[in-house]
């Protein structure tokens, strides 16, 4: 009879230990997920900025060569349209100030 009581106590202790282990594992997994999400957001934004800079240069040179008969603001407008079209195809959300900044940076680098 006592043997059965000991087995039940051991089983209960093992179950509590397993539950505690599972809880610790889930906490560690959740923290890792948060770190991974922060890392992904940081790397994605760096890649997006690099991509946006390259597309801004491309848009500037495109507008300069294709729209030679346009004035400065019209060329800027065409370059902005170019960046918007490319960013839409990539599925990226880009603001007008960001677009204008990369195009004007490309313009400044040519001077």
PDB file of N, CA and C in Angstrom:
ATOM      1  N   UNK A   1       0.805  -1.187   0.000  1.00  0.00           N
ATOM      2  CA  UNK A   1       0.000   0.000   0.000  1.00  0.00           C
ATOM      3  C   UNK A   1       0.857   1.263   0.000  1.00  0.00           C
ATOM      4  N   UNK A   2       1.902   1.243   0.822  1.00  0.00           N
ATOM      5  CA  UNK A   2       2.766   2.425   0.860  1.00  0.00           C
ATOM      6  C   UNK A   2       3.499   2.610  -0.451  1.00  0.00           C
ATOM      7  N   UNK A   3       3.766   1.546  -1.104  1.00  0.00           N
ATOM      8  CA  UNK A   3       4.451   1.612  -2.384  1.00  0.00           C
ATOM      9  C   UNK A   3       3.629   2.400  -3.398  1.00  0.00           C
ATOM     10  N   UNK A   4       2.334   2.240  -3.392  1.00  0.00           N
ATOM     11  CA  UNK A   4       1.462   2.983  -4.290  1.00  0.00           C
ATOM     12  C   UNK A   4       1.469   4.465  -3.943  1.00  0.00           C
ATOM     13  N   UNK A   5       1.456   4.813  -2.670  1.00  0.00           N
ATOM     14  CA  UNK A   5       1.497   6.211  -2.240  1.00  0.00           C
ATOM     15  C   UNK A   5       2.798   6.880  -2.634  1.00  0.00           C
ATOM     16  N   UNK A   6       3.903   6.143  -2.570  1.00  0.00           N
ATOM     17  CA  UNK A   6       5.210   6.682  -2.971  1.00  0.00           C
ATOM     18  C   UNK A   6       5.225   6.917  -4.474  1.00  0.00           C
ATOM     19  N   UNK A   7       4.673   5.986  -5.216  1.00  0.00           N
ATOM     20  CA  UNK A   7       4.625   6.131  -6.671  1.00  0.00           C
ATOM     21  C   UNK A   7       3.795   7.354  -7.079  1.00  0.00           C
ATOM     22  N   UNK A   8       2.693   7.549  -6.392  1.00  0.00           N
ATOM     23  CA  UNK A   8       1.845   8.710  -6.697  1.00  0.00           C
ATOM     24  C   UNK A   8       2.582  10.000  -6.369  1.00  0.00           C
ATOM     25  N   UNK A   9       3.286  10.045  -5.249  1.00  0.00           N
ATOM     26  CA  UNK A   9       4.039  11.243  -4.861  1.00  0.00           C
ATOM     27  C   UNK A   9       5.160  11.524  -5.854  1.00  0.00           C
ATOM     28  N   UNK A  10       5.866  10.491  -6.272  1.00  0.00           N
ATOM     29  CA  UNK A  10       6.945  10.656  -7.254  1.00  0.00           C
ATOM     30  C   UNK A  10       6.370  11.147  -8.575  1.00  0.00           C
ATOM     31  N   UNK A  11       5.259  10.546  -8.969  1.00  0.00           N
ATOM     32  CA  UNK A  11       4.612  10.973 -10.214  1.00  0.00           C
ATOM     33  C   UNK A  11       4.199  12.437 -10.136  1.00  0.00           C
ATOM     34  N   UNK A  12       3.611  12.850  -9.026  1.00  0.00           N
ATOM     35  CA  UNK A  12       3.197  14.249  -8.860  1.00  0.00           C
ATOM     36  C   UNK A  12       4.395  15.190  -8.900  1.00  0.00           C
ATOM     37  N   UNK A  13       5.481  14.802  -8.261  1.00  0.00           N
ATOM     38  CA  UNK A  13       6.695  15.630  -8.268  1.00  0.00           C
ATOM     39  C   UNK A  13       7.239  15.741  -9.689  1.00  0.00           C
ATOM     40  N   UNK A  14       7.260  14.639 -10.414  1.00  0.00           N
ATOM     41  CA  UNK A  14       7.739  14.667 -11.800  1.00  0.00           C
ATOM     42  C   UNK A  14       6.845  15.538 -12.684  1.00  0.00           C
ATOM     43  N   UNK A  15       5.544  15.448 -12.491  1.00  0.00           N
ATOM     44  CA  UNK A  15       4.625  16.276 -13.278  1.00  0.00           C
ATOM     45  C   UNK A  15       4.830  17.762 -12.986  1.00  0.00           C
ATOM     46  N   UNK A  16       4.992  18.107 -11.717  1.00  0.00           N
ATOM     47  CA  UNK A  16       5.241  19.511 -11.362  1.00  0.00           C
ATOM     48  C   UNK A  16       6.564  19.968 -11.967  1.00  0.00           C
ATOM     49  N   UNK A  17       7.568  19.105 -11.922  1.00  0.00           N
ATOM     50  CA  UNK A  17       8.866  19.440 -12.524  1.00  0.00           C
ATOM     51  C   UNK A  17       8.756  19.656 -14.022  1.00  0.00           C
ATOM     52  N   UNK A  18       7.987  18.801 -14.681  1.00  0.00           N
ATOM     53  CA  UNK A  18       7.795  18.952 -16.125  1.00  0.00           C
ATOM     54  C   UNK A  18       7.024  20.227 -16.445  1.00  0.00           C
ATOM     55  N   UNK A  19       6.015  20.543 -15.663  1.00  0.00           N
ATOM     56  CA  UNK A  19       5.253  21.776 -15.884  1.00  0.00           C
ATOM     57  C   UNK A  19       6.135  23.001 -15.686  1.00  0.00           C
ATOM     58  N   UNK A  20       6.972  22.962 -14.650  1.00  0.00           N
ATOM     59  CA  UNK A  20       7.884  24.076 -14.400  1.00  0.00           C
ATOM     60  C   UNK A  20       8.887  24.210 -15.540  1.00  0.00           C
ATOM     61  N   UNK A  21       9.413  23.085 -16.000  1.00  0.00           N
ATOM     62  CA  UNK A  21      10.349  23.106 -17.130  1.00  0.00           C
ATOM     63  C   UNK A  21       9.701  23.660 -18.389  1.00  0.00           C
ATOM     64  N   UNK A  22       8.476  23.258 -18.645  1.00  0.00           N
ATOM     65  CA  UNK A  22       7.751  23.759 -19.812  1.00  0.00           C
ATOM     66  C   UNK A  22       7.505  25.255 -19.697  1.00  0.00           C
ATOM     67  N   UNK A  23       7.159  25.714 -18.506  1.00  0.00           N
ATOM     68  CA  UNK A  23       6.939  27.147 -18.290  1.00  0.00           C
ATOM     69  C   UNK A  23       8.217  27.939 -18.561  1.00  0.00           C
ATOM     70  N   UNK A  24       9.339  27.476 -18.025  1.00  0.00           N
ATOM     71  CA  UNK A  24      10.626  28.152 -18.247  1.00  0.00           C
ATOM     72  C   UNK A  24      10.957  28.157 -19.738  1.00  0.00           C
ATOM     73  N   UNK A  25      10.741  27.040 -20.406  1.00  0.00           N
ATOM     74  CA  UNK A  25      10.998  26.959 -21.843  1.00  0.00           C
ATOM     75  C   UNK A  25      10.158  27.974 -22.615  1.00  0.00           C
ATOM     76  N   UNK A  26       8.891  28.100 -22.265  1.00  0.00           N
ATOM     77  CA  UNK A  26       8.016  29.053 -22.955  1.00  0.00           C
ATOM     78  C   UNK A  26       8.443  30.496 -22.701  1.00  0.00           C
ATOM     79  N   UNK A  27       8.887  30.805 -21.494  1.00  0.00           N
ATOM     80  CA  UNK A  27       9.368  32.160 -21.194  1.00  0.00           C
ATOM     81  C   UNK A  27      10.614  32.465 -22.017  1.00  0.00           C
ATOM     82  N   UNK A  28      11.548  31.526 -22.059  1.00  0.00           N
ATOM     83  CA  UNK A  28      12.772  31.718 -22.847  1.00  0.00           C
ATOM     84  C   UNK A  28      12.428  31.856 -24.325  1.00  0.00           C
ATOM     85  N   UNK A  29      11.533  31.042 -24.816  1.00  0.00           N
ATOM     86  CA  UNK A  29      11.118  31.108 -26.216  1.00  0.00           C
ATOM     87  C   UNK A  29      10.474  32.455 -26.535  1.00  0.00           C
ATOM     88  N   UNK A  30       9.650  32.962 -25.642  1.00  0.00           N
ATOM     89  CA  UNK A  30       9.010  34.266 -25.853  1.00  0.00           C
ATOM     90  C   UNK A  30      10.056  35.377 -25.898  1.00  0.00           C
ATOM     91  N   UNK A  31      11.022  35.351 -25.002  1.00  0.00           N
ATOM     92  CA  UNK A  31      12.084  36.372 -25.015  1.00  0.00           C
ATOM     93  C   UNK A  31      12.901  36.293 -26.291  1.00  0.00           C
ATOM     94  N   UNK A  32      13.193  35.081 -26.750  1.00  0.00           N
ATOM     95  CA  UNK A  32      13.939  34.928 -27.987  1.00  0.00           C
ATOM     96  C   UNK A  32      13.143  35.490 -29.164  1.00  0.00           C
ATOM     97  N   UNK A  33      11.848  35.257 -29.158  1.00  0.00           N
ATOM     98  CA  UNK A  33      10.986  35.786 -30.219  1.00  0.00           C
ATOM     99  C   UNK A  33      11.032  37.311 -30.241  1.00  0.00           C
ATOM    100  N   UNK A  34      10.983  37.945 -29.078  1.00  0.00           N
ATOM    101  CA  UNK A  34      11.047  39.407 -29.020  1.00  0.00           C
ATOM    102  C   UNK A  34      12.383  39.922 -29.536  1.00  0.00           C
ATOM    103  N   UNK A  35      13.473  39.262 -29.161  1.00  0.00           N
ATOM    104  CA  UNK A  35      14.797  39.666 -29.650  1.00  0.00           C
ATOM    105  C   UNK A  35      14.886  39.494 -31.164  1.00  0.00           C
ATOM    106  N   UNK A  36      14.377  38.390 -31.659  1.00  0.00           N
ATOM    107  CA  UNK A  36      14.413  38.131 -33.099  1.00  0.00           C
ATOM    108  C   UNK A  36      13.599  39.173 -33.856  1.00  0.00           C
ATOM    109  N   UNK A  37      12.462  39.562 -33.321  1.00  0.00           N
ATOM    110  CA  UNK A  37      11.626  40.575 -33.978  1.00  0.00           C
ATOM    111  C   UNK A  37      12.340  41.922 -34.010  1.00  0.00           C
ATOM    112  N   UNK A  38      12.991  42.310 -32.902  1.00  0.00           N
ATOM    113  CA  UNK A  38      13.739  43.577 -32.888  1.00  0.00           C
ATOM    114  C   UNK A  38      14.885  43.542 -33.892  1.00  0.00           C
ATOM    115  N   UNK A  39      15.604  42.429 -33.935  1.00  0.00           N
ATOM    116  CA  UNK A  39      16.714  42.278 -34.869  1.00  0.00           C
ATOM    117  C   UNK A  39      16.214  42.376 -36.310  1.00  0.00           C
ATOM    118  N   UNK A  40      15.125  41.698 -36.607  1.00  0.00           N
ATOM    119  CA  UNK A  40      14.564  41.714 -37.959  1.00  0.00           C
ATOM    120  C   UNK A  40      14.141  43.125 -38.357  1.00  0.00           C
ATOM    121  N   UNK A  41      13.465  43.837 -37.442  1.00  0.00           N
ATOM    122  CA  UNK A  41      13.044  45.210 -37.752  1.00  0.00           C
ATOM    123  C   UNK A  41      14.245  46.103 -38.006  1.00  0.00           C
ATOM    124  N   UNK A  42      15.294  45.958 -37.211  1.00  0.00           N
ATOM    125  CA  UNK A  42      16.488  46.789 -37.385  1.00  0.00           C
ATOM    126  C   UNK A  42      17.164  46.485 -38.714  1.00  0.00           C
ATOM    127  N   UNK A  43      17.339  45.221 -39.029  1.00  0.00           N
ATOM    128  CA  UNK A  43      17.998  44.855 -40.284  1.00  0.00           C
ATOM    129  C   UNK A  43      17.146  45.222 -41.486  1.00  0.00           C
ATOM    130  N   UNK A  44      15.858  45.043 -41.375  1.00  0.00           N
ATOM    131  CA  UNK A  44      14.974  45.387 -42.483  1.00  0.00           C
ATOM    132  C   UNK A  44      15.029  46.873 -42.764  1.00  0.00           C
ATOM    133  N   UNK A  45      15.009  47.688 -41.733  1.00  0.00           N
ATOM    134  CA  UNK A  45      15.031  49.129 -41.961  1.00  0.00           C
ATOM    135  C   UNK A  45      16.363  49.560 -42.562  1.00  0.00           C
ATOM    136  N   UNK A  46      17.471  48.917 -42.171  1.00  0.00           N
ATOM    137  CA  UNK A  46      18.770  49.240 -42.766  1.00  0.00           C
ATOM    138  C   UNK A  46      18.756  48.881 -44.246  1.00  0.00           C
ATOM    139  N   UNK A  47      18.269  47.693 -44.557  1.00  0.00           N
ATOM    140  CA  UNK A  47      18.198  47.275 -45.963  1.00  0.00           C
ATOM    141  C   UNK A  47      17.266  48.174 -46.765  1.00  0.00           C
ATOM    142  N   UNK A  48      16.161  48.571 -46.162  1.00  0.00           N
ATOM    143  CA  UNK A  48      15.230  49.459 -46.862  1.00  0.00           C
ATOM    144  C   UNK A  48      15.868  50.812 -47.139  1.00  0.00           C
ATOM    145  N   UNK A  49      16.624  51.344 -46.174  1.00  0.00           N
ATOM    146  CA  UNK A  49      17.288  52.632 -46.401  1.00  0.00           C
ATOM    147  C   UNK A  49      18.327  52.521 -47.508  1.00  0.00           C
ATOM    148  N   UNK A  50      19.085  51.424 -47.497  1.00  0.00           N
ATOM    149  CA  UNK A  50      20.073  51.219 -48.562  1.00  0.00           C
ATOM    150  C   UNK A  50      19.374  51.106 -49.913  1.00  0.00           C
ATOM    151  N   UNK A  51      18.291  50.332 -49.951  1.00  0.00           N
ATOM    152  CA  UNK A  51      17.544  50.163 -51.195  1.00  0.00           C
ATOM    153  C   UNK A  51      16.983  51.498 -51.657  1.00  0.00           C
ATOM    154  N   UNK A  52      16.413  52.256 -50.737  1.00  0.00           N
ATOM    155  CA  UNK A  52      15.823  53.544 -51.079  1.00  0.00           C
ATOM    156  C   UNK A  52      16.880  54.501 -51.612  1.00  0.00           C
ATOM    157  N   UNK A  53      18.064  54.470 -51.033  1.00  0.00           N
ATOM    158  CA  UNK A  53      19.142  55.328 -51.513  1.00  0.00           C
ATOM    159  C   UNK A  53      19.517  54.972 -52.955  1.00  0.00           C
ATOM    160  N   UNK A  54      19.638  53.690 -53.230  1.00  0.00           N
ATOM    161  CA  UNK A  54      19.972  53.261 -54.597  1.00  0.00           C
ATOM    162  C   UNK A  54      18.872  53.628 -55.587  1.00  0.00           C
ATOM    163  N   UNK A  55      17.631  53.415 -55.198  1.00  0.00           N
ATOM    164  CA  UNK A  55      16.517  53.742 -56.087  1.00  0.00           C
ATOM    165  C   UNK A  55      16.416  55.250 -56.275  1.00  0.00           C
ATOM    166  N   UNK A  56      16.730  56.016 -55.248  1.00  0.00           N
ATOM    167  CA  UNK A  56      16.732  57.478 -55.373  1.00  0.00           C
ATOM    168  C   UNK A  56      17.749  57.949 -56.401  1.00  0.00           C
ATOM    169  N   UNK A  57      18.937  57.349 -56.371  1.00  0.00           N
ATOM    170  CA  UNK A  57      19.954  57.692 -57.373  1.00  0.00           C
ATOM    171  C   UNK A  57      19.485  57.295 -58.767  1.00  0.00           C
ATOM    172  N   UNK A  58      18.927  56.113 -58.858  1.00  0.00           N
ATOM    173  CA  UNK A  58      18.415  55.633 -60.143  1.00  0.00           C
ATOM    174  C   UNK A  58      17.318  56.559 -60.663  1.00  0.00           C
ATOM    175  N   UNK A  59      16.418  56.962 -59.793  1.00  0.00           N
ATOM    176  CA  UNK A  59      15.312  57.843 -60.190  1.00  0.00           C
ATOM    177  C   UNK A  59      15.827  59.200 -60.638  1.00  0.00           C
ATOM    178  N   UNK A  60      16.805  59.737 -59.924  1.00  0.00           N
ATOM    179  CA  UNK A  60      17.371  61.030 -60.301  1.00  0.00           C
ATOM    180  C   UNK A  60      17.980  60.961 -61.696  1.00  0.00           C
ATOM    181  N   UNK A  61      18.813  59.956 -61.933  1.00  0.00           N
ATOM    182  CA  UNK A  61      19.465  59.844 -63.240  1.00  0.00           C
ATOM    183  C   UNK A  61      18.452  59.549 -64.347  1.00  0.00           C
ATOM    184  N   UNK A  62      17.436  58.772 -64.035  1.00  0.00           N
ATOM    185  CA  UNK A  62      16.365  58.499 -64.994  1.00  0.00           C
ATOM    186  C   UNK A  62      15.674  59.802 -65.393  1.00  0.00           C
ATOM    187  N   UNK A  63      15.297  60.597 -64.421  1.00  0.00           N
ATOM    188  CA  UNK A  63      14.595  61.854 -64.709  1.00  0.00           C
ATOM    189  C   UNK A  63      15.495  62.824 -65.464  1.00  0.00           C
ATOM    190  N   UNK A  64      16.764  62.871 -65.124  1.00  0.00           N
ATOM    191  CA  UNK A  64      17.695  63.773 -65.808  1.00  0.00           C
ATOM    192  C   UNK A  64      17.864  63.399 -67.276  1.00  0.00           C
ATOM    193  N   UNK A  65      17.918  62.123 -67.562  1.00  0.00           N
ATOM    194  CA  UNK A  65      18.179  61.688 -68.940  1.00  0.00           C
ATOM    195  C   UNK A  65      16.913  61.633 -69.799  1.00  0.00           C
ATOM    196  N   UNK A  66      15.827  61.176 -69.231  1.00  0.00           N
ATOM    197  CA  UNK A  66      14.612  60.977 -70.022  1.00  0.00           C
ATOM    198  C   UNK A  66      13.821  62.269 -70.173  1.00  0.00           C
ATOM    199  N   UNK A  67      13.806  63.102 -69.168  1.00  0.00           N
ATOM    200  CA  UNK A  67      12.985  64.312 -69.172  1.00  0.00           C
ATOM    201  C   UNK A  67      13.860  65.560 -69.283  1.00  0.00           C
ATOM    202  N   UNK A  68      14.713  65.592 -70.287  1.00  0.00           N
ATOM    203  CA  UNK A  68      15.643  66.716 -70.447  1.00  0.00           C
ATOM    204  C   UNK A  68      14.917  68.020 -70.745  1.00  0.00           C
ATOM    205  N   UNK A  69      13.755  67.958 -71.350  1.00  0.00           N
ATOM    206  CA  UNK A  69      13.017  69.172 -71.695  1.00  0.00           C
ATOM    207  C   UNK A  69      12.193  69.709 -70.524  1.00  0.00           C
ATOM    208  N   UNK A  70      12.144  68.991 -69.393  1.00  0.00           N
ATOM    209  CA  UNK A  70      11.395  69.447 -68.212  1.00  0.00           C
ATOM    210  C   UNK A  70      12.271  70.360 -67.359  1.00  0.00           C
ATOM    211  N   UNK A  71      11.612  71.190 -66.541  1.00  0.00           N
ATOM    212  CA  UNK A  71      12.362  72.008 -65.590  1.00  0.00           C
ATOM    213  C   UNK A  71      12.610  71.199 -64.307  1.00  0.00           C
ATOM    214  N   UNK A  72      13.311  71.788 -63.344  1.00  0.00           N
ATOM    215  CA  UNK A  72      13.694  71.096 -62.108  1.00  0.00           C
ATOM    216  C   UNK A  72      12.548  70.473 -61.333  1.00  0.00           C
ATOM    217  N   UNK A  73      11.493  71.240 -60.998  1.00  0.00           N
ATOM    218  CA  UNK A  73      10.382  70.650 -60.242  1.00  0.00           C
ATOM    219  C   UNK A  73       9.674  69.520 -60.997  1.00  0.00           C
ATOM    220  N   UNK A  74       9.564  69.642 -62.302  1.00  0.00           N
ATOM    221  CA  UNK A  74       8.917  68.585 -63.086  1.00  0.00           C
ATOM    222  C   UNK A  74       9.776  67.321 -63.083  1.00  0.00           C
ATOM    223  N   UNK A  75      11.102  67.499 -63.164  1.00  0.00           N
ATOM    224  CA  UNK A  75      11.996  66.340 -63.091  1.00  0.00           C
ATOM    225  C   UNK A  75      11.897  65.674 -61.717  1.00  0.00           C
ATOM    226  N   UNK A  76      11.835  66.503 -60.682  1.00  0.00           N
ATOM    227  CA  UNK A  76      11.688  65.962 -59.331  1.00  0.00           C
ATOM    228  C   UNK A  76      10.401  65.153 -59.227  1.00  0.00           C
ATOM    229  N   UNK A  77       9.335  65.675 -59.797  1.00  0.00           N
ATOM    230  CA  UNK A  77       8.050  64.972 -59.776  1.00  0.00           C
ATOM    231  C   UNK A  77       8.151  63.615 -60.477  1.00  0.00           C
ATOM    232  N   UNK A  78       8.821  63.580 -61.611  1.00  0.00           N
ATOM    233  CA  UNK A  78       8.984  62.312 -62.337  1.00  0.00           C
ATOM    234  C   UNK A  78       9.852  61.337 -61.549  1.00  0.00           C
ATOM    235  N   UNK A  79      10.882  61.850 -60.909  1.00  0.00           N
ATOM    236  CA  UNK A  79      11.740  60.985 -60.091  1.00  0.00           C
ATOM    237  C   UNK A  79      10.958  60.421 -58.904  1.00  0.00           C
ATOM    238  N   UNK A  80      10.121  61.252 -58.290  1.00  0.00           N
ATOM    239  CA  UNK A  80       9.294  60.791 -57.167  1.00  0.00           C
ATOM    240  C   UNK A  80       8.341  59.698 -57.639  1.00  0.00           C
ATOM    241  N   UNK A  81       7.722  59.898 -58.794  1.00  0.00           N
ATOM    242  CA  UNK A  81       6.819  58.873 -59.341  1.00  0.00           C
ATOM    243  C   UNK A  81       7.560  57.550 -59.550  1.00  0.00           C
ATOM    244  N   UNK A  82       8.791  57.660 -60.060  1.00  0.00           N
ATOM    245  CA  UNK A  82       9.602  56.469 -60.305  1.00  0.00           C
ATOM    246  C   UNK A  82       9.847  55.704 -59.003  1.00  0.00           C
ATOM    247  N   UNK A  83      10.240  56.431 -57.954  1.00  0.00           N
ATOM    248  CA  UNK A  83      10.502  55.785 -56.663  1.00  0.00           C
ATOM    249  C   UNK A  83       9.219  55.178 -56.099  1.00  0.00           C
ATOM    250  N   UNK A  84       8.117  55.886 -56.210  1.00  0.00           N
ATOM    251  CA  UNK A  84       6.842  55.362 -55.704  1.00  0.00           C
ATOM    252  C   UNK A  84       6.446  54.067 -56.415  1.00  0.00           C
ATOM    253  N   UNK A  85       6.613  54.043 -57.733  1.00  0.00           N
ATOM    254  CA  UNK A  85       6.275  52.831 -58.490  1.00  0.00           C
ATOM    255  C   UNK A  85       7.151  51.659 -58.068  1.00  0.00           C
ATOM    256  N   UNK A  86       8.449  51.916 -57.927  1.00  0.00           N
ATOM    257  CA  UNK A  86       9.368  50.845 -57.525  1.00  0.00           C
ATOM    258  C   UNK A  86       9.079  50.362 -56.108  1.00  0.00           C
ATOM    259  N   UNK A  87       8.803  51.298 -55.206  1.00  0.00           N
ATOM    260  CA  UNK A  87       8.537  50.897 -53.818  1.00  0.00           C
ATOM    261  C   UNK A  87       7.211  50.139 -53.716  1.00  0.00           C
ATOM    262  N   UNK A  88       6.232  50.514 -54.522  1.00  0.00           N
ATOM    263  CA  UNK A  88       4.968  49.766 -54.537  1.00  0.00           C
ATOM    264  C   UNK A  88       5.194  48.329 -54.995  1.00  0.00           C
ATOM    265  N   UNK A  89       6.027  48.160 -56.015  1.00  0.00           N
ATOM    266  CA  UNK A  89       6.321  46.808 -56.504  1.00  0.00           C
ATOM    267  C   UNK A  89       7.031  45.974 -55.445  1.00  0.00           C
ATOM    268  N   UNK A  90       7.855  46.633 -54.621  1.00  0.00           N
ATOM    269  CA  UNK A  90       8.572  45.934 -53.554  1.00  0.00           C
ATOM    270  C   UNK A  90       7.712  45.750 -52.309  1.00  0.00           C
ATOM    271  N   UNK A  91       6.580  46.441 -52.262  1.00  0.00           N
ATOM    272  CA  UNK A  91       5.708  46.348 -51.099  1.00  0.00           C
ATOM    273  C   UNK A  91       6.197  47.164 -49.917  1.00  0.00           C
ATOM    274  N   UNK A  92       6.950  48.224 -50.193  1.00  0.00           N
ATOM    275  CA  UNK A  92       7.494  49.069 -49.127  1.00  0.00           C
ATOM    276  C   UNK A  92       6.683  50.347 -48.994  1.00  0.00           C
ATOM    277  N   UNK A  93       6.495  50.769 -47.760  1.00  0.00           N
ATOM    278  CA  UNK A  93       5.828  52.035 -47.484  1.00  0.00           C
ATOM    279  C   UNK A  93       6.901  53.107 -47.350  1.00  0.00           C
ATOM    280  N   UNK A  94       6.876  54.093 -48.227  1.00  0.00           N
ATOM    281  CA  UNK A  94       7.870  55.158 -48.218  1.00  0.00           C
ATOM    282  C   UNK A  94       7.134  56.491 -48.210  1.00  0.00           C
ATOM    283  N   UNK A  95       7.610  57.417 -47.397  1.00  0.00           N
ATOM    284  CA  UNK A  95       6.964  58.725 -47.313  1.00  0.00           C
ATOM    285  C   UNK A  95       7.569  59.676 -48.340  1.00  0.00           C
ATOM    286  N   UNK A  96       6.820  60.722 -48.660  1.00  0.00           N
ATOM    287  CA  UNK A  96       7.304  61.716 -49.617  1.00  0.00           C
ATOM    288  C   UNK A  96       8.595  62.382 -49.139  1.00  0.00           C
ATOM    289  N   UNK A  97       8.704  62.786 -47.863  1.00  0.00           N
ATOM    290  CA  UNK A  97       9.973  63.391 -47.426  1.00  0.00           C
ATOM    291  C   UNK A  97      11.173  62.452 -47.582  1.00  0.00           C
ATOM    292  N   UNK A  98      10.976  61.159 -47.358  1.00  0.00           N
ATOM    293  CA  UNK A  98      12.075  60.208 -47.548  1.00  0.00           C
ATOM    294  C   UNK A  98      12.482  60.143 -49.018  1.00  0.00           C
ATOM    295  N   UNK A  99      11.489  60.106 -49.883  1.00  0.00           N
ATOM    296  CA  UNK A  99      11.770  60.039 -51.318  1.00  0.00           C
ATOM    297  C   UNK A  99      12.490  61.296 -51.773  1.00  0.00           C
ATOM    298  N   UNK A 100      11.965  62.427 -51.380  1.00  0.00           N
ATOM    299  CA  UNK A 100      12.580  63.689 -51.797  1.00  0.00           C
ATOM    300  C   UNK A 100      14.009  63.795 -51.273  1.00  0.00           C
ATOM    301  N   UNK A 101      14.234  63.339 -50.054  1.00  0.00           N
ATOM    302  CA  UNK A 101      15.576  63.411 -49.470  1.00  0.00           C
ATOM    303  C   UNK A 101      16.583  62.583 -50.265  1.00  0.00           C
ATOM    304  N   UNK A 102      16.211  61.364 -50.659  1.00  0.00           N
ATOM    305  CA  UNK A 102      17.175  60.543 -51.394  1.00  0.00           C
ATOM    306  C   UNK A 102      17.404  61.081 -52.800  1.00  0.00           C
ATOM    307  N   UNK A 103      16.392  61.662 -53.411  1.00  0.00           N
ATOM    308  CA  UNK A 103      16.570  62.238 -54.746  1.00  0.00           C
ATOM    309  C   UNK A 103      17.444  63.486 -54.664  1.00  0.00           C
ATOM    310  N   UNK A 104      17.194  64.332 -53.682  1.00  0.00           N
ATOM    311  CA  UNK A 104      18.015  65.535 -53.535  1.00  0.00           C
ATOM    312  C   UNK A 104      19.444  65.183 -53.144  1.00  0.00           C
ATOM    313  N   UNK A 105      19.618  64.118 -52.395  1.00  0.00           N
ATOM    314  CA  UNK A 105      20.971  63.662 -52.061  1.00  0.00           C
ATOM    315  C   UNK A 105      21.687  63.222 -53.335  1.00  0.00           C
ATOM    316  N   UNK A 106      20.998  62.489 -54.189  1.00  0.00           N
ATOM    317  CA  UNK A 106      21.591  62.067 -55.461  1.00  0.00           C
ATOM    318  C   UNK A 106      21.943  63.279 -56.309  1.00  0.00           C
ATOM    319  N   UNK A 107      21.076  64.293 -56.299  1.00  0.00           N
ATOM    320  CA  UNK A 107      21.349  65.520 -57.049  1.00  0.00           C
ATOM    321  C   UNK A 107      22.585  66.218 -56.491  1.00  0.00           C
ATOM    322  N   UNK A 108      22.694  66.309 -55.169  1.00  0.00           N
ATOM    323  CA  UNK A 108      23.832  66.985 -54.534  1.00  0.00           C
ATOM    324  C   UNK A 108      25.139  66.251 -54.804  1.00  0.00           C
ATOM    325  N   UNK A 109      25.087  64.950 -54.907  1.00  0.00           N
ATOM    326  CA  UNK A 109      26.304  64.175 -55.162  1.00  0.00           C
ATOM    327  C   UNK A 109      26.823  64.367 -56.578  1.00  0.00           C
ATOM    328  N   UNK A 110      25.982  64.811 -57.496  1.00  0.00           N
ATOM    329  CA  UNK A 110      26.435  65.036 -58.872  1.00  0.00           C
ATOM    330  C   UNK A 110      27.057  66.410 -59.046  1.00  0.00           C
ATOM    331  N   UNK A 111      26.833  67.290 -58.109  1.00  0.00           N
ATOM    332  CA  UNK A 111      27.361  68.660 -58.215  1.00  0.00           C
ATOM    333  C   UNK A 111      28.774  68.748 -57.713  1.00  0.00           C
TER     334      UNK A 111
END
